[in-house]
Amino acid sequence: MDCIVPIDSFVRLLPKRRGVCIGVGFLASRRSGLEVFRGLDLVGQLALGWMGQSHSGACVVRGTDRTTATKSAERGLQEVYWEWLGESGKDPSECSGQVLRDVAGLTKIRGEHGLVLIELGSTDSPTALQASRLCDGLVLVAQAAEQCVGKSKAQLGSFERSDCRWLGYWTVDWV
């Protein structure tokens, strides 16, 4: 299984200011599909590619801690873990104290890094919708074998706001 993310295209689409925050959501019709997306670590690939081209720091915000050391950690990419972000079936308002602390910390993270990527998880989760409100732009990743992007336009419409734009989507194919 391999994925080649067009980093040049991604960097060109980013807003041209420091501390930009991009949400990466996964459109997966099956839970196993979501696990495959996380296994590919597309968010880490995007951050590392951006760091290589911009020579500026990046931070990845994840919902769950990785049990194994990632290559990105070895290269100086900062990773932050928001526990509430990983609980896709839970309403984020139920853990509002932690959410407020993490959101307040995002201001500091933005000031320290040129790019912040938030791993939103599945786009059908209320957590992903709430976390997307913190972002300046959104990227969608879908399985190439499924034609789920067209089928989910109404669902994706709930993510649209005037202060946040869709930067595009990638389809990923695996065997």
Protein backbone atom coordinates (compact mmCIF):
# COMPACT_ATOMS: atom_id res chain seq x y z
CA MET A 1 0.00 0.00 0.00
CA ASP A 2 1.45 3.34 -0.98
CA CYS A 3 0.24 6.85 -1.41
CA ILE A 4 1.91 9.66 -3.25
CA VAL A 5 0.59 13.01 -2.09
CA PRO A 6 1.18 15.89 -4.54
CA ILE A 7 2.96 18.10 -2.03
CA ASP A 8 3.68 20.86 -4.57
CA SER A 9 -0.03 21.21 -5.27
CA PHE A 10 -0.84 21.21 -1.57
CA VAL A 11 1.70 23.94 -0.76
CA ARG A 12 0.50 26.14 -3.64
CA LEU A 13 -3.08 25.99 -2.33
CA LEU A 14 -2.24 27.05 1.21
CA PRO A 15 -3.13 30.56 2.35
CA LYS A 16 0.04 32.68 2.27
CA ARG A 17 0.32 33.64 5.92
CA ARG A 18 2.11 32.26 8.96
CA GLY A 19 0.26 29.98 11.37
CA VAL A 20 -2.28 28.66 8.91
CA CYS A 21 -4.39 25.78 10.24
CA ILE A 22 -5.62 23.08 7.84
CA GLY A 23 -8.01 20.26 8.75
CA VAL A 24 -7.61 16.88 7.03
CA GLY A 25 -10.79 14.83 7.03
CA PHE A 26 -11.25 11.28 5.88
CA LEU A 27 -14.29 10.12 3.95
CA ALA A 28 -14.49 6.43 4.75
CA SER A 29 -17.60 4.33 4.39
CA ARG A 30 -16.17 1.58 6.57
CA ARG A 31 -14.33 1.79 9.89
CA SER A 32 -11.51 -0.27 8.39
CA GLY A 33 -11.10 2.36 5.69
CA LEU A 34 -10.55 5.03 8.33
CA GLU A 35 -7.88 2.89 10.00
CA VAL A 36 -6.11 2.47 6.65
CA PHE A 37 -6.05 6.25 6.15
CA ARG A 38 -4.53 6.72 9.59
CA GLY A 39 -2.01 3.98 8.84
CA LEU A 40 -0.86 5.88 5.76
CA ASP A 41 -0.26 8.97 7.93
CA LEU A 42 -1.22 11.33 5.14
CA VAL A 43 -1.25 14.22 7.59
CA GLY A 44 2.38 13.52 8.49
CA GLN A 45 3.31 13.24 4.80
CA LEU A 46 1.73 16.62 4.05
CA ALA A 47 3.46 18.29 7.01
CA LEU A 48 6.88 16.88 6.16
CA GLY A 49 6.54 17.84 2.51
CA TRP A 50 5.51 21.35 3.46
CA MET A 51 8.42 21.66 5.91
CA GLY A 52 10.84 20.54 3.21
CA GLN A 53 9.63 23.19 0.77
CA SER A 54 9.03 26.09 3.12
CA HIS A 55 11.89 25.49 5.59
CA SER A 56 9.45 26.43 8.33
CA GLY A 57 8.11 24.45 11.29
CA ALA A 58 4.90 22.47 11.29
CA CYS A 59 2.70 20.84 13.90
CA VAL A 60 0.28 17.94 13.52
CA VAL A 61 -2.68 17.72 15.89
CA ARG A 62 -3.91 14.15 16.28
CA GLY A 63 -6.82 12.60 18.10
CA THR A 64 -4.92 9.66 19.51
CA ASP A 65 -1.37 9.00 20.52
CA ARG A 66 0.64 6.76 18.22
CA THR A 67 1.85 3.55 19.84
CA THR A 68 4.89 3.39 17.59
CA ALA A 69 7.40 6.12 16.91
CA THR A 70 6.66 7.88 13.64
CA LYS A 71 9.21 8.97 11.10
CA SER A 72 7.88 12.51 11.38
CA ALA A 73 8.87 12.75 15.06
CA GLU A 74 12.44 11.91 14.11
CA ARG A 75 12.54 14.80 11.65
CA GLY A 76 11.48 17.48 14.11
CA LEU A 77 7.78 17.68 13.32
CA GLN A 78 5.87 18.57 16.47
CA GLU A 79 2.87 16.37 17.29
CA VAL A 80 0.12 17.35 19.71
CA TYR A 81 -2.61 14.99 20.93
CA TRP A 82 -6.15 16.10 21.70
CA GLU A 83 -7.91 13.17 23.32
CA TRP A 84 -11.41 14.52 22.56
CA LEU A 85 -10.57 14.65 18.86
CA GLY A 86 -10.11 10.88 18.76
CA GLU A 87 -13.55 10.15 20.22
CA SER A 88 -15.53 10.34 16.99
CA GLY A 89 -18.80 8.99 18.40
CA LYS A 90 -18.88 11.37 21.35
CA ASP A 91 -20.32 14.87 21.33
CA PRO A 92 -17.37 17.24 21.97
CA SER A 93 -19.53 19.40 24.25
CA GLU A 94 -19.48 16.55 26.80
CA CYS A 95 -15.78 17.21 27.46
CA SER A 96 -15.93 20.99 27.10
CA GLY A 97 -13.20 21.76 29.66
CA GLN A 98 -10.56 19.82 27.74
CA VAL A 99 -11.81 21.18 24.41
CA LEU A 100 -11.50 24.76 25.68
CA ARG A 101 -7.95 24.17 26.95
CA ASP A 102 -6.87 22.60 23.65
CA VAL A 103 -8.48 25.33 21.55
CA ALA A 104 -6.81 28.00 23.69
CA GLY A 105 -3.48 26.22 23.17
CA LEU A 106 -4.00 26.33 19.41
CA THR A 107 -3.27 30.07 19.42
CA LYS A 108 0.18 29.38 20.86
CA ILE A 109 0.78 26.50 18.43
CA ARG A 110 -0.14 28.75 15.47
CA GLY A 111 2.35 31.37 16.67
CA GLU A 112 5.18 28.83 16.86
CA HIS A 113 4.63 27.07 13.51
CA GLY A 114 4.10 28.08 9.93
CA LEU A 115 1.57 25.28 9.39
CA VAL A 116 -0.74 23.39 11.72
CA LEU A 117 -2.52 20.30 10.39
CA ILE A 118 -5.44 18.86 12.37
CA GLU A 119 -6.30 15.21 11.75
CA LEU A 120 -10.09 15.51 11.84
CA GLY A 121 -10.91 11.83 11.41
CA SER A 122 -14.08 10.72 9.68
CA THR A 123 -16.18 13.56 8.26
CA ASP A 124 -19.39 11.93 9.49
CA SER A 125 -18.39 12.58 13.11
CA PRO A 126 -19.67 15.56 15.14
CA THR A 127 -16.14 15.90 16.51
CA ALA A 128 -14.72 16.46 13.02
CA LEU A 129 -17.35 19.10 12.33
CA GLN A 130 -16.55 20.99 15.54
CA ALA A 131 -12.78 20.75 15.04
CA SER A 132 -13.10 21.94 11.43
CA ARG A 133 -14.35 25.28 12.76
CA LEU A 134 -10.82 25.94 14.03
CA CYS A 135 -9.35 25.61 10.53
CA ASP A 136 -8.55 28.10 7.77
CA GLY A 137 -8.87 25.41 5.12
CA LEU A 138 -9.90 21.79 4.68
CA VAL A 139 -8.59 18.82 2.73
CA LEU A 140 -10.58 15.64 2.14
CA VAL A 141 -9.11 12.17 1.62
CA ALA A 142 -11.29 9.41 0.14
CA GLN A 143 -10.89 5.85 -1.08
CA ALA A 144 -10.32 5.78 -4.83
CA ALA A 145 -12.31 2.57 -5.24
CA GLU A 146 -15.45 4.22 -3.90
CA GLN A 147 -17.30 7.08 -5.50
CA CYS A 148 -18.06 8.51 -2.10
CA VAL A 149 -17.10 12.13 -2.77
CA GLY A 150 -20.06 12.69 -5.08
CA LYS A 151 -22.43 10.78 -2.81
CA SER A 152 -21.54 12.87 0.23
CA LYS A 153 -21.90 16.43 -1.07
CA ALA A 154 -24.73 17.23 1.35
CA GLN A 155 -22.70 15.96 4.31
CA LEU A 156 -19.63 17.92 3.20
CA GLY A 157 -21.76 21.03 2.79
CA SER A 158 -22.08 21.24 6.58
CA PHE A 159 -18.32 21.95 6.72
CA GLU A 160 -18.51 24.97 4.40
CA ARG A 161 -18.05 28.44 5.88
CA SER A 162 -17.13 31.81 4.41
CA ASP A 163 -13.89 31.94 6.46
CA CYS A 164 -12.75 28.42 5.55
CA ARG A 165 -12.23 27.02 2.09
CA TRP A 166 -11.92 23.53 0.65
CA LEU A 167 -8.39 23.17 -0.67
CA GLY A 168 -9.19 19.95 -2.51
CA TYR A 169 -9.24 16.24 -2.04
CA TRP A 170 -7.09 13.23 -2.65
CA THR A 171 -8.18 9.72 -3.45
CA VAL A 172 -6.11 6.88 -2.11
CA ASP A 173 -6.00 3.42 -3.60
CA TRP A 174 -4.66 0.34 -1.87
CA VAL A 175 -4.60 -3.41 -2.35
